[in-house]
Amino acid sequence: MDHAHTGRVLAYAEAQLAAVRDRIGAGVFERVAGPDGPASRARIHDTEGPRWFADGSAIRRVHGDASMFVGGLRALLLQSLHPLAMAAVSAHSGYRGDPWGRLQRTSTFLAVTTFGTVAHATEAIDTVRRVHARISGTAPDGRPYRAGDPHLLGWVHAAEVDSFLRAHQRYGAHPLDARGCDDYVEQAARVATELGVIDPPRSTSELAECLAGYQPELRGTTQAREAARFILLRPPLPTLVRAPYAVLAASAVAMMPRWSRRPLRLPYLPLTESTAVRLAGHTLVGTIRWAMRPPAA
């Protein structure tokens, strides 16, 4: 086989691989960002104006990495353990009827507040605050709740930040050092404060204290266990992607605190989680990262 023919074969193989990558990346992006994803991405990244966070900042590194897929699932599971937060989600979020719509709204909010202009980020936060102001009700245990309650917002924020950071440290392309982890928590506090959280944690030590402070309020309600089963076992997915999703789900469960497993009836398999699940998680997250990287990279 001459060099010219070999070159043509390699070029063809590279083109086919790039086409596969583009198809996978486009499919994942559409699921996460919705049909308006390309327009939203252009608006977020191409609009001129000041941003809250600079290029290369810790929050941009975390929120821009494919490890967020695992962190997001962990955050949902952890958040469900607060009965009042879970009651609000169950009654008002539409996570069963429109789970992809909820995911797309959440991912767009994170993208806007992390990468968008100050004007767009403020607009997104004002929208969320108006929605929260309309949501209230009574939990199954008889206690009233308000989505805009700073205490509940604080729990949702702490569970998210802890989950995103832990997922990044385990599956991120470039884990942060100790200073970077503190920077991430402090930068995420900026968004939390704008949303109405009072005195959010600003370092990893404060985050640990915050989570420990909420723990006496947490329990595995019927609503929480139903949500966990839906998230982990019954998501509305095509058959082709159920196996990769199962890897993401297993990776998220493997990072849940041990004390949280029993209330949600989640398994605890330390040997399997530290070997097979972690390896599979690294492989899948790496594949997603490869598929979703910009074509010019």
Protein backbone atom coordinates (compact mmCIF):
# COMPACT_ATOMS: atom_id res chain seq x y z
CA MET A 1 0.00 0.00 0.00
CA ASP A 2 1.55 3.33 -1.10
CA HIS A 3 1.70 6.43 1.05
CA ALA A 4 -0.92 8.28 -0.99
CA HIS A 5 -3.47 5.47 -0.52
CA THR A 6 -2.66 5.25 3.18
CA GLY A 7 -3.20 9.00 3.48
CA ARG A 8 -6.59 8.75 1.79
CA VAL A 9 -7.65 5.91 4.10
CA LEU A 10 -6.59 7.85 7.17
CA ALA A 11 -8.32 10.99 5.96
CA TYR A 12 -11.52 9.02 5.33
CA ALA A 13 -11.34 7.42 8.78
CA GLU A 14 -10.78 10.81 10.41
CA ALA A 15 -13.74 12.27 8.54
CA GLN A 16 -15.98 9.40 9.61
CA LEU A 17 -14.84 9.74 13.21
CA ALA A 18 -15.49 13.49 13.13
CA ALA A 19 -18.97 12.85 11.74
CA VAL A 20 -19.71 10.39 14.54
CA ARG A 21 -18.42 12.88 17.09
CA ASP A 22 -20.58 15.64 15.65
CA ARG A 23 -23.71 13.46 15.69
CA ILE A 24 -23.16 12.42 19.30
CA GLY A 25 -22.33 15.95 20.38
CA ALA A 26 -25.34 17.44 18.62
CA GLY A 27 -27.65 14.83 20.15
CA VAL A 28 -26.39 15.42 23.67
CA PHE A 29 -26.48 19.19 23.25
CA GLU A 30 -30.07 19.14 21.99
CA ARG A 31 -31.16 17.07 24.98
CA VAL A 32 -29.47 19.40 27.44
CA ALA A 33 -30.07 22.77 25.79
CA GLY A 34 -33.25 22.13 23.82
CA PRO A 35 -34.13 23.06 20.23
CA ASP A 36 -33.17 26.69 20.86
CA GLY A 37 -29.76 25.65 22.20
CA PRO A 38 -27.63 27.01 19.34
CA ALA A 39 -29.34 30.41 19.50
CA SER A 40 -29.02 30.52 23.28
CA ARG A 41 -25.35 29.56 23.11
CA ALA A 42 -24.65 32.32 20.60
CA ARG A 43 -26.48 34.86 22.75
CA ILE A 44 -24.64 33.79 25.90
CA HIS A 45 -21.14 33.67 24.47
CA ASP A 46 -21.18 36.23 21.67
CA THR A 47 -22.95 39.18 23.28
CA GLU A 48 -20.54 41.94 24.18
CA GLY A 49 -20.48 43.19 27.76
CA PRO A 50 -19.03 42.64 31.22
CA ARG A 51 -19.31 39.23 32.89
CA TRP A 52 -19.37 38.23 36.54
CA PHE A 53 -16.65 35.63 36.01
CA ALA A 54 -13.48 35.79 33.96
CA ASP A 55 -12.16 33.26 31.46
CA GLY A 56 -10.35 30.50 33.32
CA SER A 57 -12.14 31.16 36.60
CA ALA A 58 -12.96 28.19 38.80
CA ILE A 59 -16.70 28.38 38.21
CA ARG A 60 -16.21 28.43 34.44
CA ARG A 61 -13.92 25.42 34.63
CA VAL A 62 -16.43 23.44 36.68
CA HIS A 63 -19.62 24.44 34.86
CA GLY A 64 -18.02 24.03 31.44
CA ASP A 65 -16.88 20.45 31.97
CA ALA A 66 -18.74 17.25 31.03
CA SER A 67 -18.53 16.09 34.66
CA MET A 68 -21.60 18.30 35.22
CA PHE A 69 -23.72 15.47 33.83
CA VAL A 70 -22.82 13.35 36.85
CA GLY A 71 -22.92 16.28 39.27
CA GLY A 72 -26.38 17.30 38.12
CA LEU A 73 -27.86 13.86 38.83
CA ARG A 74 -26.21 13.76 42.24
CA ALA A 75 -27.57 17.22 43.04
CA LEU A 76 -31.13 16.16 42.22
CA LEU A 77 -30.87 13.10 44.43
CA LEU A 78 -29.35 15.01 47.33
CA GLN A 79 -31.81 17.90 47.08
CA SER A 80 -34.75 15.49 47.24
CA LEU A 81 -33.86 14.65 50.85
CA HIS A 82 -35.28 17.93 52.16
CA PRO A 83 -39.04 17.30 52.56
CA LEU A 84 -40.09 20.90 51.89
CA ALA A 85 -37.83 21.34 48.88
CA MET A 86 -39.02 18.00 47.51
CA ALA A 87 -42.67 18.93 48.06
CA ALA A 88 -42.17 22.10 46.04
CA VAL A 89 -40.43 20.20 43.24
CA SER A 90 -43.06 17.47 43.19
CA ALA A 91 -45.97 19.90 43.03
CA HIS A 92 -44.61 22.61 40.77
CA SER A 93 -41.54 21.64 38.73
CA GLY A 94 -43.13 19.25 36.22
CA TYR A 95 -40.14 16.92 36.48
CA ARG A 96 -42.28 13.92 35.53
CA GLY A 97 -44.32 15.45 32.75
CA ASP A 98 -41.51 17.53 31.26
CA PRO A 99 -38.15 16.37 32.67
CA TRP A 100 -36.19 17.50 29.61
CA GLY A 101 -37.76 20.93 29.72
CA ARG A 102 -36.72 21.29 33.34
CA LEU A 103 -33.19 20.14 32.52
CA GLN A 104 -32.97 22.58 29.64
CA ARG A 105 -34.15 25.51 31.76
CA THR A 106 -31.65 24.63 34.50
CA SER A 107 -28.73 24.18 32.11
CA THR A 108 -29.53 27.46 30.37
CA PHE A 109 -29.68 29.28 33.70
CA LEU A 110 -26.29 27.89 34.71
CA ALA A 111 -24.79 28.82 31.35
CA VAL A 112 -26.18 32.37 31.41
CA THR A 113 -25.08 33.12 34.97
CA THR A 114 -21.65 31.55 34.46
CA PHE A 115 -20.72 32.69 30.96
CA GLY A 116 -23.24 35.38 30.00
CA THR A 117 -23.17 39.13 30.38
CA VAL A 118 -24.11 40.75 33.67
CA ALA A 119 -27.27 42.07 32.04
CA HIS A 120 -28.34 38.62 30.81
CA ALA A 121 -27.41 36.96 34.11
CA THR A 122 -29.42 39.52 36.07
CA GLU A 123 -32.37 39.04 33.73
CA ALA A 124 -32.26 35.26 34.25
CA ILE A 125 -32.10 35.65 38.02
CA ASP A 126 -35.01 38.09 38.05
CA THR A 127 -37.05 35.56 36.07
CA VAL A 128 -36.31 32.77 38.55
CA ARG A 129 -37.13 35.02 41.51
CA ARG A 130 -40.49 35.90 39.97
CA VAL A 131 -41.26 32.21 39.46
CA HIS A 132 -40.24 31.40 43.03
CA ALA A 133 -42.49 34.17 44.36
CA ARG A 134 -45.53 32.41 42.88
CA ILE A 135 -44.76 28.97 44.31
CA SER A 136 -46.03 27.96 47.73
CA GLY A 137 -48.02 25.12 49.22
CA THR A 138 -48.26 22.52 51.94
CA ALA A 139 -46.02 19.48 52.18
CA PRO A 140 -47.49 16.01 52.90
CA ASP A 141 -46.41 16.38 56.53
CA GLY A 142 -48.57 19.51 56.87
CA ARG A 143 -45.84 22.11 56.88
CA PRO A 144 -46.11 25.11 54.57
CA TYR A 145 -43.35 25.88 52.08
CA ARG A 146 -42.34 28.76 49.82
CA ALA A 147 -39.97 28.29 46.90
CA GLY A 148 -38.46 31.68 47.69
CA ASP A 149 -37.68 30.78 51.31
CA PRO A 150 -33.99 31.69 51.76
CA HIS A 151 -33.45 28.63 53.94
CA LEU A 152 -34.73 26.23 51.27
CA LEU A 153 -32.82 28.10 48.58
CA GLY A 154 -29.72 27.69 50.73
CA TRP A 155 -30.17 23.91 50.80
CA VAL A 156 -30.69 23.69 47.04
CA HIS A 157 -27.60 25.82 46.48
CA ALA A 158 -25.37 23.88 48.89
CA ALA A 159 -26.42 20.52 47.42
CA GLU A 160 -25.71 21.76 43.89
CA VAL A 161 -22.33 23.29 44.67
CA ASP A 162 -21.18 20.24 46.60
CA SER A 163 -22.33 17.91 43.81
CA PHE A 164 -20.86 19.91 40.93
CA LEU A 165 -17.53 20.31 42.71
CA ARG A 166 -17.25 16.66 43.77
CA ALA A 167 -18.11 15.47 40.28
CA HIS A 168 -15.51 17.80 38.80
CA GLN A 169 -12.85 16.62 41.22
CA ARG A 170 -13.53 13.01 40.31
CA TYR A 171 -14.38 13.19 36.60
CA GLY A 172 -13.28 16.64 35.43
CA ALA A 173 -10.59 16.99 32.79
CA HIS A 174 -8.53 19.26 35.05
CA PRO A 175 -9.48 18.99 38.76
CA LEU A 176 -8.98 22.09 40.86
CA ASP A 177 -6.38 22.49 43.58
CA ALA A 178 -7.47 23.40 47.12
CA ARG A 179 -7.44 27.13 46.38
CA GLY A 180 -9.42 26.56 43.21
CA CYS A 181 -12.07 24.60 45.13
CA ASP A 182 -12.48 27.47 47.58
CA ASP A 183 -12.65 29.92 44.66
CA TYR A 184 -15.42 27.86 43.08
CA VAL A 185 -17.54 27.89 46.22
CA GLU A 186 -16.98 31.63 46.65
CA GLN A 187 -17.85 32.41 43.03
CA ALA A 188 -20.99 30.25 43.15
CA ALA A 189 -22.04 32.23 46.24
CA ARG A 190 -22.34 35.31 44.04
CA VAL A 191 -25.19 33.72 42.08
CA ALA A 192 -26.78 32.29 45.22
CA THR A 193 -26.85 35.70 46.89
CA GLU A 194 -28.54 37.22 43.86
CA LEU A 195 -31.18 34.47 44.04
CA GLY A 196 -31.95 35.26 47.66
CA VAL A 197 -29.73 32.90 49.69
CA ILE A 198 -28.60 34.56 52.90
CA ASP A 199 -24.89 34.21 53.68
CA PRO A 200 -24.10 31.21 51.42
CA PRO A 201 -20.88 29.27 52.06
CA ARG A 202 -17.75 30.81 50.55
CA SER A 203 -15.17 28.06 51.06
CA THR A 204 -15.13 24.27 51.10
CA SER A 205 -14.96 24.23 54.89
CA GLU A 206 -18.00 26.51 55.12
CA LEU A 207 -19.78 24.32 52.57
CA ALA A 208 -19.17 21.22 54.70
CA GLU A 209 -20.49 23.04 57.77
CA CYS A 210 -23.54 24.21 55.85
CA LEU A 211 -24.41 20.70 54.65
CA ALA A 212 -23.95 19.29 58.14
CA GLY A 213 -26.26 21.98 59.50
CA TYR A 214 -29.06 20.88 57.18
CA GLN A 215 -28.66 17.16 57.84
CA PRO A 216 -31.08 16.97 60.82
CA GLU A 217 -33.83 18.31 58.52
CA LEU A 218 -33.31 15.67 55.84
CA ARG A 219 -35.23 12.45 55.41
CA GLY A 220 -36.30 10.01 52.74
CA THR A 221 -39.96 10.79 52.09
CA THR A 222 -42.19 8.88 49.71
CA GLN A 223 -41.88 11.77 47.26
CA ALA A 224 -38.08 11.66 47.48
CA ARG A 225 -37.91 7.91 46.85
CA GLU A 226 -40.32 8.21 43.93
CA ALA A 227 -38.17 10.96 42.45
CA ALA A 228 -35.03 8.84 42.89
CA ARG A 229 -36.65 5.89 41.11
CA PHE A 230 -37.77 8.15 38.27
CA ILE A 231 -34.35 9.79 37.90
CA LEU A 232 -32.36 6.58 38.10
CA LEU A 233 -34.58 3.89 36.64
CA ARG A 234 -37.43 5.40 34.61
CA PRO A 235 -36.20 8.43 32.68
CA PRO A 236 -37.95 8.95 29.32
CA LEU A 237 -35.02 7.94 27.13
CA PRO A 238 -34.61 6.12 23.80
CA THR A 239 -33.40 2.56 24.18
CA LEU A 240 -30.09 3.39 22.52
CA VAL A 241 -28.98 5.76 25.27
CA ARG A 242 -30.27 3.89 28.29
CA ALA A 243 -26.98 2.07 28.86
CA PRO A 244 -24.85 5.26 28.86
CA TYR A 245 -27.41 6.95 31.11
CA ALA A 246 -27.21 4.00 33.51
CA VAL A 247 -23.46 4.66 33.80
CA LEU A 248 -24.11 8.33 34.63
CA ALA A 249 -26.72 7.31 37.18
CA ALA A 250 -24.43 4.74 38.81
CA SER A 251 -21.62 7.30 38.92
CA ALA A 252 -23.91 9.82 40.64
CA VAL A 253 -25.10 7.28 43.20
CA ALA A 254 -21.50 6.25 43.90
CA MET A 255 -20.73 9.82 44.98
CA MET A 256 -23.71 10.15 47.32
CA PRO A 257 -22.83 10.43 51.03
CA ARG A 258 -23.15 7.10 52.77
CA TRP A 259 -25.73 8.48 55.21
CA SER A 260 -27.99 9.43 52.28
CA ARG A 261 -28.24 5.96 50.79
CA ARG A 262 -30.70 4.32 53.20
CA PRO A 263 -33.29 7.14 53.17
CA LEU A 264 -33.46 6.96 49.38
CA ARG A 265 -33.03 3.15 49.32
CA LEU A 266 -29.90 3.41 47.22
CA PRO A 267 -27.36 0.57 47.18
CA TYR A 268 -23.94 0.86 48.78
CA LEU A 269 -21.34 -1.28 46.99
CA PRO A 270 -17.97 0.25 47.89
CA LEU A 271 -15.74 -2.18 45.97
CA THR A 272 -17.79 -2.00 42.77
CA GLU A 273 -18.18 1.77 43.05
CA SER A 274 -14.47 2.37 43.49
CA THR A 275 -13.47 0.16 40.57
CA ALA A 276 -15.97 -0.68 37.82
CA VAL A 277 -18.31 2.28 38.30
CA ARG A 278 -15.48 4.81 38.52
CA LEU A 279 -13.77 3.41 35.41
CA ALA A 280 -17.01 3.38 33.45
CA GLY A 281 -17.78 6.91 34.62
CA HIS A 282 -14.40 8.22 33.49
CA THR A 283 -14.83 6.53 30.10
CA LEU A 284 -18.32 7.90 29.52
CA VAL A 285 -17.63 11.43 30.75
CA GLY A 286 -14.49 11.50 28.61
CA THR A 287 -16.53 10.41 25.59
CA ILE A 288 -19.12 13.14 26.21
CA ARG A 289 -16.34 15.71 26.59
CA TRP A 290 -14.77 14.55 23.31
CA ALA A 291 -18.12 14.67 21.49
CA MET A 292 -19.12 18.10 22.74
CA ARG A 293 -15.83 19.95 22.30
CA PRO A 294 -15.89 22.77 19.73
CA PRO A 295 -15.11 21.52 16.20
CA ALA A 296 -12.08 23.78 15.96
CA ALA A 297 -10.49 22.35 19.12
